C-alpha atoms as a PDB file:
ATOM      1  CA  MET A   1       0.000   0.000   0.000  1.00  0.00           C
ATOM      2  CA  SER A   2       1.617   3.213  -1.148  1.00  0.00           C
ATOM      3  CA  THR A   3      -0.682   5.610   0.713  1.00  0.00           C
ATOM      4  CA  ASP A   4       0.792   6.960   3.945  1.00  0.00           C
ATOM      5  CA  LEU A   5      -1.968   6.784   6.536  1.00  0.00           C
ATOM      6  CA  ASP A   6       0.032   8.519   9.259  1.00  0.00           C
ATOM      7  CA  PRO A   7      -1.338  12.061   8.684  1.00  0.00           C
ATOM      8  CA  ILE A   8      -4.912  10.767   8.489  1.00  0.00           C
ATOM      9  CA  LEU A   9      -4.648   8.617  11.618  1.00  0.00           C
ATOM     10  CA  LYS A  10      -2.920  11.454  13.461  1.00  0.00           C
ATOM     11  CA  ARG A  11      -5.722  13.866  12.574  1.00  0.00           C
ATOM     12  CA  LEU A  12      -8.272  11.300  13.792  1.00  0.00           C
ATOM     13  CA  HIS A  13      -6.278  10.862  17.039  1.00  0.00           C
ATOM     14  CA  LEU A  14      -5.875   7.118  16.416  1.00  0.00           C
ATOM     15  CA  ALA A  15      -2.486   6.826  18.089  1.00  0.00           C
ATOM     16  CA  ASN A  16      -2.337   3.039  18.375  1.00  0.00           C
ATOM     17  CA  ALA A  17      -3.598   2.492  14.824  1.00  0.00           C
ATOM     18  CA  ARG A  18      -0.919   4.883  13.625  1.00  0.00           C
ATOM     19  CA  ARG A  19       1.707   2.812  15.417  1.00  0.00           C
ATOM     20  CA  VAL A  20       0.650  -0.644  14.184  1.00  0.00           C
ATOM     21  CA  TRP A  21      -0.996  -0.179  10.782  1.00  0.00           C
ATOM     22  CA  ARG A  22       2.065  -0.981   8.666  1.00  0.00           C
ATOM     23  CA  ASP A  23       2.713  -4.288  10.437  1.00  0.00           C
ATOM     24  CA  MET A  24      -0.969  -5.107  10.246  1.00  0.00           C
ATOM     25  CA  VAL A  25      -1.095  -4.424   6.508  1.00  0.00           C
ATOM     26  CA  ARG A  26       1.858  -6.773   5.948  1.00  0.00           C
ATOM     27  CA  ARG A  27       0.114  -9.447   7.986  1.00  0.00           C
ATOM     28  CA  ALA A  28      -3.126  -8.912   6.070  1.00  0.00           C
ATOM     29  CA  GLU A  29      -1.326  -9.347   2.756  1.00  0.00           C
ATOM     30  CA  ALA A  30       0.451 -12.491   3.965  1.00  0.00           C
ATOM     31  CA  GLU A  31      -2.730 -14.065   5.322  1.00  0.00           C
ATOM     32  CA  GLN A  32      -4.967 -12.717   2.517  1.00  0.00           C
ATOM     33  CA  TRP A  33      -7.361 -10.815   4.733  1.00  0.00           C
ATOM     34  CA  THR A  34     -10.297  -9.024   3.192  1.00  0.00           C
ATOM     35  CA  HIS A  35     -10.456  -5.230   3.494  1.00  0.00           C
ATOM     36  CA  GLU A  36     -13.205  -5.677   6.068  1.00  0.00           C
ATOM     37  CA  GLN A  37     -11.046  -8.012   8.172  1.00  0.00           C
ATOM     38  CA  LEU A  38      -8.155  -5.541   8.078  1.00  0.00           C
ATOM     39  CA  LEU A  39     -10.275  -2.587   9.129  1.00  0.00           C
ATOM     40  CA  THR A  40     -12.064  -4.572  11.834  1.00  0.00           C
ATOM     41  CA  THR A  41      -8.768  -5.771  13.314  1.00  0.00           C
ATOM     42  CA  LEU A  42      -7.104  -2.355  13.080  1.00  0.00           C
ATOM     43  CA  PHE A  43      -9.933  -0.507  14.799  1.00  0.00           C
ATOM     44  CA  GLY A  44     -10.484  -3.336  17.266  1.00  0.00           C
ATOM     45  CA  GLU A  45      -6.853  -2.957  18.370  1.00  0.00           C
ATOM     46  CA  GLU A  46      -7.398   0.776  18.756  1.00  0.00           C
ATOM     47  CA  ILE A  47     -10.444   0.249  20.962  1.00  0.00           C
ATOM     48  CA  ALA A  48      -8.616  -2.308  23.129  1.00  0.00           C
ATOM     49  CA  HIS A  49      -5.649   0.024  23.517  1.00  0.00           C
ATOM     50  CA  ARG A  50      -7.864   2.929  24.539  1.00  0.00           C
ATOM     51  CA  ARG A  51      -9.730   0.741  27.012  1.00  0.00           C
ATOM     52  CA  GLY A  52      -6.455  -0.360  28.590  1.00  0.00           C
ATOM     53  CA  THR A  53      -5.133   3.197  28.755  1.00  0.00           C
ATOM     54  CA  ARG A  54      -8.369   4.446  30.293  1.00  0.00           C
ATOM     55  CA  LEU A  55      -8.295   1.682  32.877  1.00  0.00           C
ATOM     56  CA  GLN A  56      -4.697   2.491  33.838  1.00  0.00           C
ATOM     57  CA  ARG A  57      -5.620   6.142  34.386  1.00  0.00           C
ATOM     58  CA  ALA A  58      -8.717   5.146  36.354  1.00  0.00           C
ATOM     59  CA  VAL A  59      -6.690   2.862  38.638  1.00  0.00           C
ATOM     60  CA  ARG A  60      -4.271   5.680  39.432  1.00  0.00           C
ATOM     61  CA  ALA A  61      -7.152   8.061  40.135  1.00  0.00           C
ATOM     62  CA  ALA A  62      -8.845   5.490  42.391  1.00  0.00           C
ATOM     63  CA  ARG A  63      -5.950   5.685  44.899  1.00  0.00           C
ATOM     64  CA  PHE A  64      -5.974   1.976  45.700  1.00  0.00           C
ATOM     65  CA  PRO A  65      -3.298   1.006  48.259  1.00  0.00           C
ATOM     66  CA  PHE A  66      -2.794  -2.116  46.110  1.00  0.00           C
ATOM     67  CA  LEU A  67      -4.593  -3.762  43.198  1.00  0.00           C
ATOM     68  CA  ARG A  68      -6.437  -7.059  43.538  1.00  0.00           C
ATOM     69  CA  THR A  69      -8.937  -8.902  41.366  1.00  0.00           C
ATOM     70  CA  ILE A  70     -11.868 -11.206  42.041  1.00  0.00           C
ATOM     71  CA  GLU A  71      -9.924 -14.050  40.433  1.00  0.00           C
ATOM     72  CA  GLU A  72      -7.178 -13.677  43.047  1.00  0.00           C
ATOM     73  CA  PHE A  73      -9.538 -13.960  46.018  1.00  0.00           C
ATOM     74  CA  ASP A  74      -9.420 -17.375  47.705  1.00  0.00           C
ATOM     75  CA  PHE A  75     -12.999 -18.350  48.545  1.00  0.00           C
ATOM     76  CA  SER A  76     -11.938 -21.754  49.891  1.00  0.00           C
ATOM     77  CA  TYR A  77     -11.307 -20.270  53.339  1.00  0.00           C
ATOM     78  CA  GLN A  78     -14.846 -18.859  53.582  1.00  0.00           C
ATOM     79  CA  SER A  79     -17.625 -20.999  55.038  1.00  0.00           C
ATOM     80  CA  THR A  80     -20.563 -19.203  53.388  1.00  0.00           C
ATOM     81  CA  LEU A  81     -19.134 -16.662  50.965  1.00  0.00           C
ATOM     82  CA  ARG A  82     -18.792 -17.935  47.401  1.00  0.00           C
ATOM     83  CA  LEU A  83     -18.203 -16.357  44.018  1.00  0.00           C
ATOM     84  CA  THR A  84     -21.853 -17.050  43.189  1.00  0.00           C
ATOM     85  CA  THR A  85     -22.820 -15.128  46.334  1.00  0.00           C
ATOM     86  CA  ILE A  86     -21.223 -11.946  45.054  1.00  0.00           C
ATOM     87  CA  GLY A  87     -22.081 -12.478  41.395  1.00  0.00           C
ATOM     88  CA  SER A  88     -24.542  -9.584  41.355  1.00  0.00           C
ATOM     89  CA  LEU A  89     -21.882  -7.285  42.835  1.00  0.00           C
ATOM     90  CA  CYS A  90     -19.719  -7.910  39.764  1.00  0.00           C
ATOM     91  CA  SER A  91     -22.401  -6.881  37.273  1.00  0.00           C
ATOM     92  CA  PRO A  92     -23.119  -3.409  35.842  1.00  0.00           C
ATOM     93  CA  ASP A  93     -26.409  -3.406  37.773  1.00  0.00           C
ATOM     94  CA  PHE A  94     -24.496  -3.042  41.032  1.00  0.00           C
ATOM     95  CA  VAL A  95     -23.401   0.407  39.873  1.00  0.00           C
ATOM     96  CA  THR A  96     -26.300   1.531  37.687  1.00  0.00           C
ATOM     97  CA  GLU A  97     -28.821   0.716  40.411  1.00  0.00           C
ATOM     98  CA  GLY A  98     -26.773   2.378  43.129  1.00  0.00           C
ATOM     99  CA  GLN A  99     -26.380  -0.746  45.243  1.00  0.00           C
ATOM    100  CA  SER A 100     -24.025  -1.036  48.207  1.00  0.00           C
ATOM    101  CA  VAL A 101     -22.354  -3.729  50.290  1.00  0.00           C
ATOM    102  CA  VAL A 102     -20.848  -3.925  53.771  1.00  0.00           C
ATOM    103  CA  LEU A 103     -18.033  -6.486  54.128  1.00  0.00           C
ATOM    104  CA  HIS A 104     -17.853  -7.451  57.794  1.00  0.00           C
ATOM    105  CA  GLY A 105     -15.268  -9.628  59.497  1.00  0.00           C
ATOM    106  CA  LYS A 106     -12.235  -9.778  61.742  1.00  0.00           C
ATOM    107  CA  THR A 107      -8.908  -8.398  60.625  1.00  0.00           C
ATOM    108  CA  GLY A 108      -7.045 -10.274  57.901  1.00  0.00           C
ATOM    109  CA  ARG A 109     -10.107 -11.956  56.385  1.00  0.00           C
ATOM    110  CA  GLY A 110      -9.664 -10.346  52.967  1.00  0.00           C
ATOM    111  CA  LYS A 111     -12.241  -7.582  53.258  1.00  0.00           C
ATOM    112  CA  THR A 112     -10.064  -4.880  51.686  1.00  0.00           C
ATOM    113  CA  HIS A 113      -8.918  -7.285  48.954  1.00  0.00           C
ATOM    114  CA  LEU A 114     -12.516  -8.074  48.047  1.00  0.00           C
ATOM    115  CA  ALA A 115     -13.609  -4.424  48.223  1.00  0.00           C
ATOM    116  CA  ILE A 116     -10.842  -3.350  45.846  1.00  0.00           C
ATOM    117  CA  ALA A 117     -11.572  -6.283  43.548  1.00  0.00           C
ATOM    118  CA  LEU A 118     -15.258  -5.321  43.317  1.00  0.00           C
ATOM    119  CA  ALA A 119     -14.373  -1.694  42.619  1.00  0.00           C
ATOM    120  CA  TYR A 120     -11.846  -2.771  39.989  1.00  0.00           C
ATOM    121  CA  ARG A 121     -14.464  -4.959  38.309  1.00  0.00           C
ATOM    122  CA  ALA A 122     -16.727  -1.907  38.089  1.00  0.00           C
ATOM    123  CA  MET A 123     -13.857   0.045  36.544  1.00  0.00           C
ATOM    124  CA  GLN A 124     -13.356  -2.695  33.952  1.00  0.00           C
ATOM    125  CA  LEU A 125     -17.001  -2.138  33.037  1.00  0.00           C
ATOM    126  CA  GLY A 126     -16.308   1.557  32.416  1.00  0.00           C
ATOM    127  CA  PHE A 127     -17.176   3.122  35.771  1.00  0.00           C
ATOM    128  CA  GLU A 128     -15.055   5.342  38.041  1.00  0.00           C
ATOM    129  CA  ALA A 129     -14.103   4.371  41.581  1.00  0.00           C
ATOM    130  CA  LEU A 130     -12.361   5.915  44.572  1.00  0.00           C
ATOM    131  CA  PHE A 131     -10.752   4.238  47.587  1.00  0.00           C
ATOM    132  CA  ALA A 132     -10.801   6.024  50.951  1.00  0.00           C
ATOM    133  CA  ASN A 133      -9.608   4.994  54.379  1.00  0.00           C
ATOM    134  CA  CYS A 134     -12.502   5.863  56.684  1.00  0.00           C
ATOM    135  CA  ALA A 135     -10.420   7.647  59.330  1.00  0.00           C
ATOM    136  CA  GLU A 136      -8.526   9.695  56.751  1.00  0.00           C
ATOM    137  CA  MET A 137     -11.726  10.631  54.927  1.00  0.00           C
ATOM    138  CA  ILE A 138     -13.426  11.752  58.143  1.00  0.00           C
ATOM    139  CA  ASP A 139     -10.372  13.780  59.177  1.00  0.00           C
ATOM    140  CA  GLU A 140     -10.202  15.459  55.775  1.00  0.00           C
ATOM    141  CA  LEU A 141     -13.899  16.334  55.780  1.00  0.00           C
ATOM    142  CA  SER A 142     -13.707  17.593  59.369  1.00  0.00           C
ATOM    143  CA  ARG A 143     -10.841  19.936  58.455  1.00  0.00           C
ATOM    144  CA  ALA A 144     -12.716  21.082  55.377  1.00  0.00           C
ATOM    145  CA  SER A 145     -15.757  21.859  57.525  1.00  0.00           C
ATOM    146  CA  ARG A 146     -13.648  24.085  59.757  1.00  0.00           C
ATOM    147  CA  ASP A 147     -11.899  25.715  56.782  1.00  0.00           C
ATOM    148  CA  GLY A 148     -15.097  26.466  54.879  1.00  0.00           C
ATOM    149  CA  THR A 149     -14.265  24.103  51.989  1.00  0.00           C
ATOM    150  CA  PHE A 150     -16.570  21.279  52.991  1.00  0.00           C
ATOM    151  CA  ARG A 151     -18.771  21.220  49.875  1.00  0.00           C
ATOM    152  CA  ASP A 152     -15.814  21.053  47.493  1.00  0.00           C
ATOM    153  CA  THR A 153     -14.147  18.304  49.513  1.00  0.00           C
ATOM    154  CA  LEU A 154     -17.391  16.383  49.854  1.00  0.00           C
ATOM    155  CA  ALA A 155     -17.892  16.515  46.074  1.00  0.00           C
ATOM    156  CA  ARG A 156     -14.730  14.436  45.538  1.00  0.00           C
ATOM    157  CA  TYR A 157     -16.256  11.611  47.566  1.00  0.00           C
ATOM    158  CA  VAL A 158     -19.663  11.905  45.946  1.00  0.00           C
ATOM    159  CA  LYS A 159     -18.616  12.080  42.290  1.00  0.00           C
ATOM    160  CA  PRO A 160     -17.200   8.570  41.581  1.00  0.00           C
ATOM    161  CA  HIS A 161     -19.647   5.836  40.616  1.00  0.00           C
ATOM    162  CA  VAL A 162     -18.207   3.560  43.328  1.00  0.00           C
ATOM    163  CA  LEU A 163     -16.739   4.617  46.683  1.00  0.00           C
ATOM    164  CA  VAL A 164     -14.795   2.172  48.853  1.00  0.00           C
ATOM    165  CA  VAL A 165     -14.775   3.201  52.529  1.00  0.00           C
ATOM    166  CA  ASP A 166     -12.182   1.015  54.206  1.00  0.00           C
ATOM    167  CA  GLU A 167     -11.768   0.079  57.873  1.00  0.00           C
ATOM    168  CA  VAL A 168     -14.870   1.543  59.497  1.00  0.00           C
ATOM    169  CA  GLY A 169     -14.408   1.169  63.244  1.00  0.00           C
ATOM    170  CA  TYR A 170     -10.703   0.361  63.349  1.00  0.00           C
ATOM    171  CA  LEU A 171      -9.560   3.741  64.682  1.00  0.00           C
ATOM    172  CA  THR A 172     -10.913   6.459  66.945  1.00  0.00           C
ATOM    173  CA  TYR A 173     -12.701   9.305  65.179  1.00  0.00           C
ATOM    174  CA  GLY A 174     -13.423  12.885  66.171  1.00  0.00           C
ATOM    175  CA  SER A 175     -16.713  13.918  67.739  1.00  0.00           C
ATOM    176  CA  ASP A 176     -18.191  14.990  64.378  1.00  0.00           C
ATOM    177  CA  ALA A 177     -17.485  11.639  62.674  1.00  0.00           C
ATOM    178  CA  ALA A 178     -21.125  10.628  62.338  1.00  0.00           C
ATOM    179  CA  ASN A 179     -22.065  14.018  60.907  1.00  0.00           C
ATOM    180  CA  VAL A 180     -19.439  14.094  58.143  1.00  0.00           C
ATOM    181  CA  LEU A 181     -19.905  10.407  57.258  1.00  0.00           C
ATOM    182  CA  PHE A 182     -23.653  10.974  57.057  1.00  0.00           C
ATOM    183  CA  HIS A 183     -23.128  13.697  54.445  1.00  0.00           C
ATOM    184  CA  VAL A 184     -21.088  11.322  52.284  1.00  0.00           C
ATOM    185  CA  VAL A 185     -23.585   8.468  52.594  1.00  0.00           C
ATOM    186  CA  ASN A 186     -26.677  10.641  52.206  1.00  0.00           C
ATOM    187  CA  GLU A 187     -25.403  12.491  49.126  1.00  0.00           C
ATOM    188  CA  ARG A 188     -24.398   9.249  47.452  1.00  0.00           C
ATOM    189  CA  HIS A 189     -27.669   7.602  48.444  1.00  0.00           C
ATOM    190  CA  ILE A 190     -29.663  10.431  46.864  1.00  0.00           C
ATOM    191  CA  ARG A 191     -27.632  10.170  43.646  1.00  0.00           C
ATOM    192  CA  ARG A 192     -27.807   6.359  43.657  1.00  0.00           C
ATOM    193  CA  ARG A 193     -24.037   5.998  43.827  1.00  0.00           C
ATOM    194  CA  SER A 194     -22.657   2.652  44.942  1.00  0.00           C
ATOM    195  CA  MET A 195     -20.704   2.219  48.184  1.00  0.00           C
ATOM    196  CA  ILE A 196     -18.498  -0.586  49.502  1.00  0.00           C
ATOM    197  CA  PHE A 197     -17.649  -0.610  53.214  1.00  0.00           C
ATOM    198  CA  THR A 198     -15.193  -2.820  55.079  1.00  0.00           C
ATOM    199  CA  THR A 199     -15.499  -3.088  58.849  1.00  0.00           C
ATOM    200  CA  ASN A 200     -14.487  -5.235  61.786  1.00  0.00           C
ATOM    201  CA  LYS A 201     -17.622  -4.201  63.667  1.00  0.00           C
ATOM    202  CA  HIS A 202     -21.185  -5.159  62.859  1.00  0.00           C
ATOM    203  CA  PRO A 203     -23.085  -2.097  61.555  1.00  0.00           C
ATOM    204  CA  LYS A 204     -25.325  -2.272  64.630  1.00  0.00           C
ATOM    205  CA  ARG A 205     -22.224  -1.351  66.645  1.00  0.00           C
ATOM    206  CA  TRP A 206     -21.237   1.693  64.589  1.00  0.00           C
ATOM    207  CA  GLY A 207     -22.980   4.077  67.024  1.00  0.00           C
ATOM    208  CA  PRO A 208     -20.273   4.133  69.720  1.00  0.00           C
ATOM    209  CA  VAL A 209     -17.576   4.234  67.037  1.00  0.00           C
ATOM    210  CA  LEU A 210     -19.103   7.315  65.404  1.00  0.00           C
ATOM    211  CA  HIS A 211     -20.142   8.892  68.740  1.00  0.00           C
ATOM    212  CA  ASP A 212     -23.803   9.104  67.743  1.00  0.00           C
ATOM    213  CA  ASP A 213     -26.119   6.079  67.949  1.00  0.00           C
ATOM    214  CA  ASP A 214     -29.059   7.757  66.198  1.00  0.00           C
ATOM    215  CA  LEU A 215     -27.091   9.136  63.266  1.00  0.00           C
ATOM    216  CA  ALA A 216     -25.188   5.879  62.887  1.00  0.00           C
ATOM    217  CA  GLU A 217     -28.508   4.068  62.574  1.00  0.00           C
ATOM    218  CA  VAL A 218     -29.567   6.499  59.841  1.00  0.00           C
ATOM    219  CA  ILE A 219     -26.275   5.947  58.004  1.00  0.00           C
ATOM    220  CA  VAL A 220     -26.615   2.166  58.111  1.00  0.00           C
ATOM    221  CA  ASP A 221     -30.267   2.401  57.066  1.00  0.00           C
ATOM    222  CA  ARG A 222     -29.343   4.321  53.922  1.00  0.00           C
ATOM    223  CA  VAL A 223     -26.433   2.019  53.089  1.00  0.00           C
ATOM    224  CA  LEU A 224     -28.479  -1.163  53.438  1.00  0.00           C
ATOM    225  CA  GLU A 225     -31.665   0.121  51.792  1.00  0.00           C
ATOM    226  CA  ARG A 226     -30.147  -0.902  48.469  1.00  0.00           C
ATOM    227  CA  GLY A 227     -27.330  -2.927  49.970  1.00  0.00           C
ATOM    228  CA  ARG A 228     -26.201  -6.189  51.500  1.00  0.00           C
ATOM    229  CA  LEU A 229     -24.237  -7.219  54.573  1.00  0.00           C
ATOM    230  CA  LEU A 230     -21.701  -9.970  53.878  1.00  0.00           C
ATOM    231  CA  ARG A 231     -19.638 -11.658  56.572  1.00  0.00           C
ATOM    232  CA  LEU A 232     -16.124 -12.903  55.878  1.00  0.00           C
ATOM    233  CA  ASP A 233     -14.957 -15.605  58.259  1.00  0.00           C
ATOM    234  CA  GLY A 234     -12.277 -18.280  58.266  1.00  0.00           C
ATOM    235  CA  PRO A 235      -8.653 -17.796  59.313  1.00  0.00           C
ATOM    236  CA  SER A 236      -6.716 -14.591  58.880  1.00  0.00           C
ATOM    237  CA  MET A 237      -5.124 -14.463  55.444  1.00  0.00           C
ATOM    238  CA  ARG A 238      -2.050 -12.934  57.053  1.00  0.00           C
ATOM    239  CA  THR A 239      -1.480 -15.664  59.649  1.00  0.00           C
ATOM    240  CA  LYS A 240      -3.039 -18.801  58.141  1.00  0.00           C
ATOM    241  CA  HIS A 241       0.441 -20.022  57.223  1.00  0.00           C
ATOM    242  CA  LEU A 242       1.212 -20.255  60.950  1.00  0.00           C
ATOM    243  CA  ALA A 243      -1.413 -22.951  61.525  1.00  0.00           C
ATOM    244  CA  ASP A 244       0.988 -25.690  60.376  1.00  0.00           C
ATOM    245  CA  ASP A 245       4.085 -24.291  62.071  1.00  0.00           C
ATOM    246  CA  PRO A 246       4.966 -26.940  64.710  1.00  0.00           C
ATOM    247  CA  THR A 247       7.515 -24.677  66.382  1.00  0.00           C
ATOM    248  CA  LEU A 248       4.894 -21.992  66.951  1.00  0.00           C
ATOM    249  CA  ASN A 249       2.084 -24.363  67.841  1.00  0.00           C
ATOM    250  CA  ASP A 250       4.181 -26.088  70.515  1.00  0.00           C
ATOM    251  CA  ASP A 251       4.265 -22.790  72.393  1.00  0.00           C
ATOM    252  CA  LEU A 252       0.530 -22.070  72.095  1.00  0.00           C
ATOM    253  CA  ASP A 253      -2.193 -23.102  74.448  1.00  0.00           C
ATOM    254  CA  ASP A 254      -5.329 -24.634  72.933  1.00  0.00           C
ATOM    255  CA  THR A 255      -7.230 -21.350  72.754  1.00  0.00           C
ATOM    256  CA  GLU A 256      -4.435 -19.599  70.869  1.00  0.00           C
ATOM    257  CA  ARG A 257      -4.003 -22.583  68.541  1.00  0.00           C
ATOM    258  CA  LEU A 258      -7.659 -22.313  67.600  1.00  0.00           C
ATOM    259  CA  ARG A 259      -7.231 -18.633  66.805  1.00  0.00           C
ATOM    260  CA  PHE A 260      -4.387 -19.281  64.369  1.00  0.00           C
ATOM    261  CA  SER A 261      -5.930 -22.355  62.772  1.00  0.00           C
ATOM    262  CA  GLY A 262      -9.317 -20.720  62.213  1.00  0.00           C
ATOM    263  CA  THR A 263     -11.124 -23.596  63.952  1.00  0.00           C
ATOM    264  CA  SER A 264     -14.334 -22.490  65.587  1.00  0.00           C
ATOM    265  CA  GLY A 265     -14.831 -22.850  69.304  1.00  0.00           C
ATOM    266  CA  SER A 266     -17.726 -25.234  68.735  1.00  0.00           C
ATOM    267  CA  ASP A 267     -15.350 -27.701  67.034  1.00  0.00           C
ATOM    268  CA  PHE A 268     -13.046 -27.879  70.057  1.00  0.00           C
ATOM    269  CA  THR A 269     -13.530 -30.835  72.377  1.00  0.00           C
ATOM    270  CA  GLU A 270     -13.642 -29.525  75.915  1.00  0.00           C
ATOM    271  CA  LEU A 271     -11.221 -31.051  78.438  1.00  0.00           C
ATOM    272  CA  PRO A 272     -12.620 -33.148  81.286  1.00  0.00           C
ATOM    273  CA  THR A 273     -13.328 -31.118  84.401  1.00  0.00           C
ATOM    274  CA  GLY A 274     -10.547 -32.773  86.388  1.00  0.00           C
ATOM    275  CA  THR A 275      -7.837 -31.677  83.940  1.00  0.00           C
ATOM    276  CA  ARG A 276      -8.694 -27.975  83.719  1.00  0.00           C
ATOM    277  CA  GLY A 277      -6.056 -25.656  85.028  1.00  0.00           C
ATOM    278  CA  LYS A 278      -3.424 -28.422  85.036  1.00  0.00           C
ATOM    279  CA  LEU A 279      -1.927 -27.906  81.582  1.00  0.00           C
ATOM    280  CA  GLY A 280       1.736 -27.037  81.140  1.00  0.00           C
END
């Protein structure tokens, strides 16, 4: 082909097509593609490249502390949670219908991994997401309230299609925590924007954490109106490798061994009364 397509592709802002078209033409000639096959492949590559570039930018803007996918999450350690359980959370409807989810469980159970994975799946579908540590978000909004920039700061947490609020209840918050968190939840609820929360405390116990039982109840009510509460159990992902460490287990009493192994208390055979207090 003698025609130089570079100026045309440059004017059309088809950067990837401009980079690959010569190699693709040679391949088309060698494999005897039709004109339609060549154009379909060329523009298909351009679309895929743009999608990948957009996703890379979106991931950076989301401020994830790390990137995880649904495929990397190990469901085998969960007693009730399965991929089929969260199937609806991976669909476009989760975002377009403004649904939410609260991931509840002890530390190390994979809550943040799963929250990021769900947000990333939404981003793969073309939506925007933002990750926020709950304590840092509350502190930022509290400062903005005092500085008179609250509405502008709040808008950053309301705008994305999906907001991940990580570690609700892990740290101590200021006295206005419930008030500023309510504004985030209420604004997103009104706009039908999806939310993903991770917490080590059941939502019924958010009142003392946020210093306001009544407002905490309102927050949870709005989150769960179009949302679900999912519990993650099993052993800690960070310490499950210690369950088979004989050196460590030799130094643990039975209660501690259960904690590391992830065995529930109901599975532990209680010692006869006469032997209690005589171990070691």
